Amino acid sequence: MRDEVDDLTEAWARERADLDLAPVAVFSRISRLAHHLDRARRGAFTEHGIESWEFDVLAALRRAGEPYELSPGRLLRETLVTSGTMTNRIDRLAGRGLVERYPDPGDRRGVIVRLTDEGLATVDAAFEELLTAEAELLADLSDRDRARLADLLRTLLAPFS
């Protein structure tokens, strides 16, 4: 089986035979796959009226378990954005009725962000749609190949964690 990256790599090999092109063969495919994944994510989220950044915040709250709440500081760590960005995101999600804020009982200066029932229903439905789209992207791989791919990608990503 051939793909467009094979053509790209062969062209580079012809023009720059002095270079090791193994990284191109891997990362060009990862880049192209990321593009397809991004489109699948956007489609899944659009279907449920949210954007990717909204899903990220809602999903962090959902993964926290009942009562589906976190401090803004914890949300920062979960979503890797700045505090100003997170404040804006919480404001927007609260304005849409997907999250609510309430005073932190353990810190009178702090707040807690909690999913509303609507936020919970939205993130659950969007996540189900996303899993369906992602399963389609992996459909040509066996369970064993999927596990192997996950292991290889974990190895590549480990230095960044």
N, C-alpha and C. Protein backbone atom coordinates (compact mmCIF):
# COMPACT_ATOMS: atom_id res chain seq x y z
N MET A 1 0.84 -1.17 0.00
CA MET A 1 0.00 0.00 0.00
C MET A 1 0.90 1.25 0.00
N ARG A 2 0.56 2.18 -0.87
CA ARG A 2 1.32 3.44 -0.97
C ARG A 2 0.41 4.60 -0.60
N ASP A 3 1.03 5.69 -0.18
CA ASP A 3 0.27 6.91 0.07
C ASP A 3 1.07 8.11 -0.43
N GLU A 4 0.53 9.29 -0.24
CA GLU A 4 1.17 10.51 -0.75
C GLU A 4 2.51 10.78 -0.07
N VAL A 5 2.68 10.29 1.16
CA VAL A 5 3.95 10.49 1.85
C VAL A 5 5.06 9.67 1.19
N ASP A 6 4.72 8.51 0.65
CA ASP A 6 5.72 7.74 -0.10
C ASP A 6 6.23 8.56 -1.28
N ASP A 7 5.33 9.22 -1.99
CA ASP A 7 5.72 10.06 -3.13
C ASP A 7 6.60 11.22 -2.67
N LEU A 8 6.20 11.85 -1.58
CA LEU A 8 6.95 12.98 -1.04
C LEU A 8 8.36 12.54 -0.62
N THR A 9 8.44 11.42 0.07
CA THR A 9 9.73 10.91 0.54
C THR A 9 10.63 10.51 -0.62
N GLU A 10 10.06 9.88 -1.63
CA GLU A 10 10.85 9.50 -2.81
C GLU A 10 11.39 10.74 -3.53
N ALA A 11 10.59 11.78 -3.62
CA ALA A 11 11.05 13.01 -4.27
C ALA A 11 12.21 13.62 -3.48
N TRP A 12 12.08 13.65 -2.16
CA TRP A 12 13.18 14.18 -1.34
C TRP A 12 14.42 13.30 -1.46
N ALA A 13 14.23 12.00 -1.51
CA ALA A 13 15.38 11.09 -1.64
C ALA A 13 16.10 11.32 -2.97
N ARG A 14 15.35 11.59 -3.98
CA ARG A 14 15.95 11.87 -5.29
C ARG A 14 16.75 13.18 -5.23
N GLU A 15 16.20 14.17 -4.56
CA GLU A 15 16.82 15.49 -4.51
C GLU A 15 17.89 15.62 -3.43
N ARG A 16 17.71 14.88 -2.34
CA ARG A 16 18.63 14.98 -1.20
C ARG A 16 18.98 13.59 -0.68
N ALA A 17 19.63 12.81 -1.49
CA ALA A 17 20.00 11.44 -1.14
C ALA A 17 20.95 11.40 0.06
N ASP A 18 21.54 12.54 0.40
CA ASP A 18 22.49 12.60 1.51
C ASP A 18 21.81 12.65 2.88
N LEU A 19 20.49 12.79 2.91
CA LEU A 19 19.77 12.94 4.18
C LEU A 19 19.02 11.67 4.57
N ASP A 20 18.91 11.44 5.88
CA ASP A 20 18.08 10.36 6.42
C ASP A 20 16.64 10.87 6.46
N LEU A 21 15.79 10.31 5.64
CA LEU A 21 14.42 10.80 5.52
C LEU A 21 13.42 10.02 6.37
N ALA A 22 13.90 9.15 7.24
CA ALA A 22 12.99 8.38 8.09
C ALA A 22 12.04 9.28 8.90
N PRO A 23 12.51 10.40 9.45
CA PRO A 23 11.57 11.25 10.19
C PRO A 23 10.44 11.80 9.31
N VAL A 24 10.75 12.08 8.05
CA VAL A 24 9.71 12.60 7.14
C VAL A 24 8.62 11.55 6.95
N ALA A 25 9.02 10.31 6.80
CA ALA A 25 8.05 9.23 6.59
C ALA A 25 7.11 9.09 7.79
N VAL A 26 7.61 9.35 8.98
CA VAL A 26 6.78 9.23 10.19
C VAL A 26 5.97 10.51 10.43
N PHE A 27 6.66 11.63 10.52
CA PHE A 27 5.98 12.85 10.95
C PHE A 27 5.09 13.47 9.89
N SER A 28 5.36 13.25 8.64
CA SER A 28 4.43 13.71 7.61
C SER A 28 3.11 12.96 7.72
N ARG A 29 3.19 11.69 8.04
CA ARG A 29 1.96 10.92 8.23
C ARG A 29 1.22 11.36 9.50
N ILE A 30 1.96 11.59 10.57
CA ILE A 30 1.33 12.07 11.81
C ILE A 30 0.66 13.42 11.56
N SER A 31 1.33 14.29 10.84
CA SER A 31 0.76 15.60 10.53
C SER A 31 -0.52 15.48 9.72
N ARG A 32 -0.51 14.62 8.72
CA ARG A 32 -1.71 14.43 7.91
C ARG A 32 -2.83 13.79 8.72
N LEU A 33 -2.48 12.84 9.57
CA LEU A 33 -3.48 12.22 10.44
C LEU A 33 -4.06 13.24 11.41
N ALA A 34 -3.22 14.12 11.93
CA ALA A 34 -3.70 15.17 12.85
C ALA A 34 -4.71 16.07 12.15
N HIS A 35 -4.49 16.35 10.88
CA HIS A 35 -5.43 17.16 10.11
C HIS A 35 -6.78 16.45 10.03
N HIS A 36 -6.78 15.15 9.73
CA HIS A 36 -8.03 14.40 9.64
C HIS A 36 -8.71 14.30 11.01
N LEU A 37 -7.92 14.13 12.06
CA LEU A 37 -8.47 14.07 13.41
C LEU A 37 -9.09 15.41 13.79
N ASP A 38 -8.43 16.50 13.44
CA ASP A 38 -8.97 17.83 13.74
C ASP A 38 -10.32 18.02 13.06
N ARG A 39 -10.42 17.61 11.81
CA ARG A 39 -11.70 17.72 11.09
C ARG A 39 -12.78 16.86 11.75
N ALA A 40 -12.41 15.65 12.17
CA ALA A 40 -13.37 14.76 12.84
C ALA A 40 -13.83 15.37 14.16
N ARG A 41 -12.89 15.94 14.91
CA ARG A 41 -13.23 16.57 16.19
C ARG A 41 -14.17 17.76 15.97
N ARG A 42 -13.82 18.62 15.03
CA ARG A 42 -14.67 19.78 14.75
C ARG A 42 -16.08 19.34 14.38
N GLY A 43 -16.17 18.30 13.55
CA GLY A 43 -17.48 17.80 13.15
C GLY A 43 -18.28 17.27 14.33
N ALA A 44 -17.64 16.50 15.17
CA ALA A 44 -18.32 15.93 16.34
C ALA A 44 -18.80 17.03 17.28
N PHE A 45 -17.97 18.02 17.48
CA PHE A 45 -18.33 19.09 18.42
C PHE A 45 -19.38 20.03 17.82
N THR A 46 -19.25 20.34 16.55
CA THR A 46 -20.22 21.22 15.89
C THR A 46 -21.61 20.61 15.95
N GLU A 47 -21.67 19.31 15.80
CA GLU A 47 -22.94 18.58 15.88
C GLU A 47 -23.66 18.87 17.20
N HIS A 48 -22.89 19.19 18.24
CA HIS A 48 -23.47 19.43 19.56
C HIS A 48 -23.32 20.88 20.02
N GLY A 49 -23.01 21.75 19.08
CA GLY A 49 -23.02 23.19 19.35
C GLY A 49 -21.88 23.70 20.19
N ILE A 50 -20.75 22.99 20.19
CA ILE A 50 -19.60 23.47 20.97
C ILE A 50 -18.35 23.50 20.09
N GLU A 51 -17.37 24.23 20.57
CA GLU A 51 -16.07 24.30 19.91
C GLU A 51 -15.08 23.41 20.67
N SER A 52 -13.92 23.17 20.04
CA SER A 52 -12.92 22.29 20.66
C SER A 52 -12.51 22.78 22.04
N TRP A 53 -12.28 24.08 22.21
CA TRP A 53 -11.85 24.58 23.51
C TRP A 53 -12.94 24.38 24.55
N GLU A 54 -14.21 24.49 24.14
CA GLU A 54 -15.30 24.27 25.08
C GLU A 54 -15.33 22.81 25.52
N PHE A 55 -15.14 21.92 24.55
CA PHE A 55 -15.09 20.50 24.89
C PHE A 55 -13.98 20.23 25.88
N ASP A 56 -12.81 20.82 25.67
CA ASP A 56 -11.67 20.58 26.56
C ASP A 56 -12.00 20.92 28.01
N VAL A 57 -12.66 22.06 28.23
CA VAL A 57 -13.01 22.46 29.60
C VAL A 57 -14.11 21.56 30.15
N LEU A 58 -15.15 21.34 29.35
CA LEU A 58 -16.26 20.50 29.80
C LEU A 58 -15.78 19.07 30.09
N ALA A 59 -14.89 18.55 29.24
CA ALA A 59 -14.39 17.19 29.42
C ALA A 59 -13.53 17.09 30.69
N ALA A 60 -12.75 18.12 30.99
CA ALA A 60 -11.95 18.10 32.22
C ALA A 60 -12.86 18.02 33.44
N LEU A 61 -13.94 18.78 33.42
CA LEU A 61 -14.89 18.73 34.52
C LEU A 61 -15.58 17.37 34.59
N ARG A 62 -15.94 16.82 33.45
CA ARG A 62 -16.62 15.51 33.41
C ARG A 62 -15.71 14.41 33.94
N ARG A 63 -14.43 14.46 33.55
CA ARG A 63 -13.50 13.42 34.01
C ARG A 63 -13.22 13.50 35.51
N ALA A 64 -13.50 14.65 36.11
CA ALA A 64 -13.28 14.81 37.55
C ALA A 64 -14.24 13.93 38.36
N GLY A 65 -15.30 13.46 37.74
CA GLY A 65 -16.28 12.64 38.45
C GLY A 65 -17.25 13.51 39.25
N GLU A 66 -18.30 12.86 39.72
CA GLU A 66 -19.30 13.62 40.47
C GLU A 66 -18.67 14.32 41.65
N PRO A 67 -19.01 15.54 41.90
CA PRO A 67 -20.06 16.36 41.32
C PRO A 67 -19.62 17.18 40.09
N TYR A 68 -18.61 16.71 39.37
CA TYR A 68 -18.14 17.33 38.12
C TYR A 68 -17.72 18.78 38.33
N GLU A 69 -16.77 18.96 39.22
CA GLU A 69 -16.31 20.31 39.54
C GLU A 69 -14.81 20.33 39.78
N LEU A 70 -14.22 21.49 39.47
CA LEU A 70 -12.79 21.73 39.68
C LEU A 70 -12.58 23.20 39.98
N SER A 71 -11.45 23.50 40.59
CA SER A 71 -11.06 24.90 40.76
C SER A 71 -10.54 25.41 39.42
N PRO A 72 -10.57 26.71 39.20
CA PRO A 72 -9.99 27.25 37.97
C PRO A 72 -8.51 26.88 37.82
N GLY A 73 -7.77 26.83 38.92
CA GLY A 73 -6.36 26.44 38.85
C GLY A 73 -6.18 25.02 38.34
N ARG A 74 -7.03 24.13 38.79
CA ARG A 74 -6.97 22.74 38.32
C ARG A 74 -7.36 22.66 36.85
N LEU A 75 -8.34 23.46 36.45
CA LEU A 75 -8.72 23.51 35.03
C LEU A 75 -7.56 24.00 34.17
N LEU A 76 -6.79 24.94 34.69
CA LEU A 76 -5.60 25.43 33.97
C LEU A 76 -4.64 24.28 33.70
N ARG A 77 -4.38 23.49 34.73
CA ARG A 77 -3.45 22.36 34.58
C ARG A 77 -4.00 21.29 33.64
N GLU A 78 -5.29 21.10 33.66
CA GLU A 78 -5.92 20.07 32.82
C GLU A 78 -5.95 20.48 31.34
N THR A 79 -6.05 21.78 31.08
CA THR A 79 -6.23 22.23 29.69
C THR A 79 -5.04 22.99 29.13
N LEU A 80 -4.03 23.25 29.94
CA LEU A 80 -2.79 23.89 29.50
C LEU A 80 -2.99 25.25 28.84
N VAL A 81 -3.82 26.09 29.47
CA VAL A 81 -3.99 27.46 28.99
C VAL A 81 -3.63 28.43 30.12
N THR A 82 -3.54 29.71 29.78
CA THR A 82 -3.20 30.72 30.78
C THR A 82 -4.42 31.04 31.64
N SER A 83 -4.17 31.69 32.76
CA SER A 83 -5.26 32.01 33.66
C SER A 83 -6.24 33.00 33.04
N GLY A 84 -5.76 33.97 32.29
CA GLY A 84 -6.66 34.91 31.62
C GLY A 84 -7.54 34.21 30.60
N THR A 85 -6.94 33.28 29.87
CA THR A 85 -7.71 32.51 28.89
C THR A 85 -8.77 31.67 29.59
N MET A 86 -8.39 31.04 30.70
CA MET A 86 -9.35 30.20 31.42
C MET A 86 -10.50 31.02 31.97
N THR A 87 -10.20 32.20 32.51
CA THR A 87 -11.27 33.06 33.03
C THR A 87 -12.26 33.39 31.93
N ASN A 88 -11.75 33.73 30.75
CA ASN A 88 -12.60 34.03 29.60
C ASN A 88 -13.44 32.82 29.21
N ARG A 89 -12.82 31.66 29.21
CA ARG A 89 -13.53 30.44 28.83
C ARG A 89 -14.64 30.09 29.83
N ILE A 90 -14.34 30.22 31.10
CA ILE A 90 -15.35 29.94 32.12
C ILE A 90 -16.50 30.93 31.99
N ASP A 91 -16.17 32.21 31.78
CA ASP A 91 -17.22 33.23 31.60
C ASP A 91 -18.14 32.85 30.44
N ARG A 92 -17.55 32.46 29.33
CA ARG A 92 -18.34 32.14 28.14
C ARG A 92 -19.20 30.88 28.36
N LEU A 93 -18.61 29.87 28.99
CA LEU A 93 -19.37 28.65 29.25
C LEU A 93 -20.49 28.90 30.27
N ALA A 94 -20.22 29.73 31.27
CA ALA A 94 -21.25 30.06 32.25
C ALA A 94 -22.37 30.85 31.57
N GLY A 95 -22.01 31.75 30.67
CA GLY A 95 -23.00 32.52 29.93
C GLY A 95 -23.91 31.65 29.08
N ARG A 96 -23.41 30.52 28.66
CA ARG A 96 -24.21 29.58 27.86
C ARG A 96 -24.96 28.57 28.72
N GLY A 97 -24.73 28.63 30.04
CA GLY A 97 -25.42 27.72 30.95
C GLY A 97 -24.83 26.33 31.01
N LEU A 98 -23.58 26.18 30.55
CA LEU A 98 -22.94 24.86 30.55
C LEU A 98 -22.15 24.59 31.84
N VAL A 99 -21.72 25.65 32.51
CA VAL A 99 -21.05 25.54 33.80
C VAL A 99 -21.61 26.62 34.72
N GLU A 100 -21.36 26.42 36.01
CA GLU A 100 -21.71 27.44 37.00
C GLU A 100 -20.55 27.59 37.97
N ARG A 101 -20.44 28.78 38.54
CA ARG A 101 -19.42 29.04 39.56
C ARG A 101 -20.11 29.14 40.91
N TYR A 102 -19.38 28.73 41.93
CA TYR A 102 -19.86 28.97 43.28
C TYR A 102 -18.64 29.12 44.19
N PRO A 103 -18.81 29.76 45.32
CA PRO A 103 -17.67 30.00 46.22
C PRO A 103 -17.04 28.69 46.68
N ASP A 104 -15.72 28.69 46.76
CA ASP A 104 -14.97 27.53 47.24
C ASP A 104 -15.12 27.48 48.76
N PRO A 105 -15.72 26.41 49.29
CA PRO A 105 -15.90 26.34 50.74
C PRO A 105 -14.58 26.24 51.50
N GLY A 106 -13.52 25.83 50.83
CA GLY A 106 -12.22 25.71 51.49
C GLY A 106 -11.34 26.93 51.35
N ASP A 107 -11.77 27.92 50.55
CA ASP A 107 -10.97 29.13 50.32
C ASP A 107 -11.94 30.24 49.95
N ARG A 108 -12.20 31.14 50.90
CA ARG A 108 -13.24 32.15 50.67
C ARG A 108 -12.91 33.11 49.53
N ARG A 109 -11.65 33.13 49.09
CA ARG A 109 -11.29 33.97 47.93
C ARG A 109 -11.47 33.23 46.61
N GLY A 110 -11.62 31.92 46.67
CA GLY A 110 -11.66 31.11 45.46
C GLY A 110 -13.06 30.74 45.02
N VAL A 111 -13.12 30.17 43.82
CA VAL A 111 -14.38 29.67 43.29
C VAL A 111 -14.17 28.24 42.81
N ILE A 112 -15.27 27.57 42.64
CA ILE A 112 -15.31 26.23 42.06
C ILE A 112 -16.17 26.32 40.81
N VAL A 113 -15.76 25.60 39.77
CA VAL A 113 -16.53 25.55 38.52
C VAL A 113 -17.15 24.17 38.43
N ARG A 114 -18.44 24.13 38.16
CA ARG A 114 -19.17 22.86 38.11
C ARG A 114 -19.98 22.78 36.82
N LEU A 115 -20.03 21.57 36.25
CA LEU A 115 -20.89 21.33 35.10
C LEU A 115 -22.35 21.47 35.51
N THR A 116 -23.15 22.09 34.67
CA THR A 116 -24.59 22.07 34.86
C THR A 116 -25.13 20.79 34.23
N ASP A 117 -26.39 20.52 34.43
CA ASP A 117 -26.99 19.35 33.79
C ASP A 117 -26.88 19.46 32.27
N GLU A 118 -27.08 20.67 31.75
CA GLU A 118 -26.95 20.87 30.30
C GLU A 118 -25.51 20.65 29.84
N GLY A 119 -24.55 21.12 30.63
CA GLY A 119 -23.14 20.91 30.30
C GLY A 119 -22.78 19.43 30.30
N LEU A 120 -23.31 18.70 31.27
CA LEU A 120 -23.05 17.26 31.36
C LEU A 120 -23.62 16.53 30.14
N ALA A 121 -24.86 16.86 29.79
CA ALA A 121 -25.48 16.22 28.63
C ALA A 121 -24.73 16.56 27.35
N THR A 122 -24.28 17.80 27.24
CA THR A 122 -23.56 18.24 26.04
C THR A 122 -22.23 17.54 25.90
N VAL A 123 -21.44 17.50 26.96
CA VAL A 123 -20.12 16.88 26.87
C VAL A 123 -20.24 15.38 26.65
N ASP A 124 -21.22 14.73 27.27
CA ASP A 124 -21.39 13.29 27.06
C ASP A 124 -21.76 12.99 25.61
N ALA A 125 -22.69 13.75 25.05
CA ALA A 125 -23.11 13.52 23.66
C ALA A 125 -21.96 13.81 22.70
N ALA A 126 -21.23 14.89 22.92
CA ALA A 126 -20.10 15.23 22.04
C ALA A 126 -19.00 14.18 22.13
N PHE A 127 -18.76 13.66 23.33
CA PHE A 127 -17.72 12.63 23.50
C PHE A 127 -18.11 11.35 22.76
N GLU A 128 -19.36 10.96 22.85
CA GLU A 128 -19.82 9.78 22.12
C GLU A 128 -19.63 9.96 20.61
N GLU A 129 -19.98 11.14 20.12
CA GLU A 129 -19.82 11.44 18.69
C GLU A 129 -18.34 11.41 18.30
N LEU A 130 -17.49 11.95 19.17
CA LEU A 130 -16.05 11.96 18.91
C LEU A 130 -15.51 10.53 18.86
N LEU A 131 -15.92 9.70 19.78
CA LEU A 131 -15.43 8.32 19.78
C LEU A 131 -15.83 7.57 18.52
N THR A 132 -17.02 7.84 18.04
CA THR A 132 -17.47 7.22 16.78
C THR A 132 -16.58 7.67 15.63
N ALA A 133 -16.30 8.97 15.56
CA ALA A 133 -15.45 9.50 14.49
C ALA A 133 -14.03 8.96 14.60
N GLU A 134 -13.49 8.88 15.80
CA GLU A 134 -12.13 8.37 15.98
C GLU A 134 -12.06 6.88 15.66
N ALA A 135 -13.09 6.13 16.01
CA ALA A 135 -13.12 4.70 15.68
C ALA A 135 -13.09 4.50 14.17
N GLU A 136 -13.75 5.38 13.44
CA GLU A 136 -13.72 5.29 11.97
C GLU A 136 -12.31 5.53 11.44
N LEU A 137 -11.57 6.44 12.06
CA LEU A 137 -10.19 6.70 11.63
C LEU A 137 -9.29 5.48 11.86
N LEU A 138 -9.63 4.69 12.86
CA LEU A 138 -8.82 3.51 13.21
C LEU A 138 -9.37 2.20 12.65
N ALA A 139 -10.42 2.28 11.87
CA ALA A 139 -11.15 1.09 11.43
C ALA A 139 -10.28 0.07 10.70
N ASP A 140 -9.25 0.51 9.99
CA ASP A 140 -8.43 -0.42 9.22
C ASP A 140 -7.35 -1.11 10.05
N LEU A 141 -7.27 -0.80 11.34
CA LEU A 141 -6.27 -1.41 12.21
C LEU A 141 -6.92 -2.47 13.10
N SER A 142 -6.21 -3.55 13.29
CA SER A 142 -6.68 -4.57 14.23
C SER A 142 -6.53 -4.03 15.66
N ASP A 143 -7.16 -4.70 16.60
CA ASP A 143 -7.02 -4.31 18.01
C ASP A 143 -5.55 -4.35 18.42
N ARG A 144 -4.83 -5.36 17.95
CA ARG A 144 -3.42 -5.48 18.29
C ARG A 144 -2.61 -4.32 17.71
N ASP A 145 -2.90 -3.95 16.46
CA ASP A 145 -2.20 -2.83 15.84
C ASP A 145 -2.52 -1.51 16.54
N ARG A 146 -3.77 -1.35 16.96
CA ARG A 146 -4.15 -0.13 17.69
C ARG A 146 -3.37 -0.03 18.99
N ALA A 147 -3.26 -1.14 19.71
CA ALA A 147 -2.52 -1.14 20.97
C ALA A 147 -1.04 -0.85 20.72
N ARG A 148 -0.48 -1.42 19.68
CA ARG A 148 0.93 -1.20 19.34
C ARG A 148 1.17 0.26 18.97
N LEU A 149 0.26 0.81 18.17
CA LEU A 149 0.37 2.21 17.78
C LEU A 149 0.30 3.12 19.01
N ALA A 150 -0.62 2.83 19.90
CA ALA A 150 -0.73 3.62 21.14
C ALA A 150 0.56 3.55 21.94
N ASP A 151 1.16 2.37 22.02
CA ASP A 151 2.43 2.21 22.74
C ASP A 151 3.54 3.01 22.09
N LEU A 152 3.63 2.96 20.77
CA LEU A 152 4.68 3.70 20.05
C LEU A 152 4.50 5.21 20.23
N LEU A 153 3.27 5.68 20.13
CA LEU A 153 3.02 7.11 20.30
C LEU A 153 3.31 7.55 21.74
N ARG A 154 2.99 6.70 22.71
CA ARG A 154 3.32 6.99 24.11
C ARG A 154 4.82 7.18 24.27
N THR A 155 5.60 6.32 23.63
CA THR A 155 7.05 6.41 23.69
C THR A 155 7.54 7.73 23.10
N LEU A 156 6.95 8.13 21.98
CA LEU A 156 7.33 9.41 21.35
C LEU A 156 6.95 10.61 22.22
N LEU A 157 5.81 10.53 22.89
CA LEU A 157 5.32 11.67 23.66
C LEU A 157 5.90 11.75 25.07
N ALA A 158 6.42 10.66 25.59
CA ALA A 158 6.90 10.63 26.98
C ALA A 158 7.87 11.75 27.34
N PRO A 159 8.82 12.10 26.48
CA PRO A 159 9.74 13.18 26.87
C PRO A 159 9.07 14.54 27.06
N PHE A 160 7.86 14.71 26.53
CA PHE A 160 7.18 16.00 26.62
C PHE A 160 6.29 16.10 27.85
N SER A 161 6.09 14.97 28.54
CA SER A 161 5.18 14.97 29.70
C SER A 161 5.84 15.57 30.92
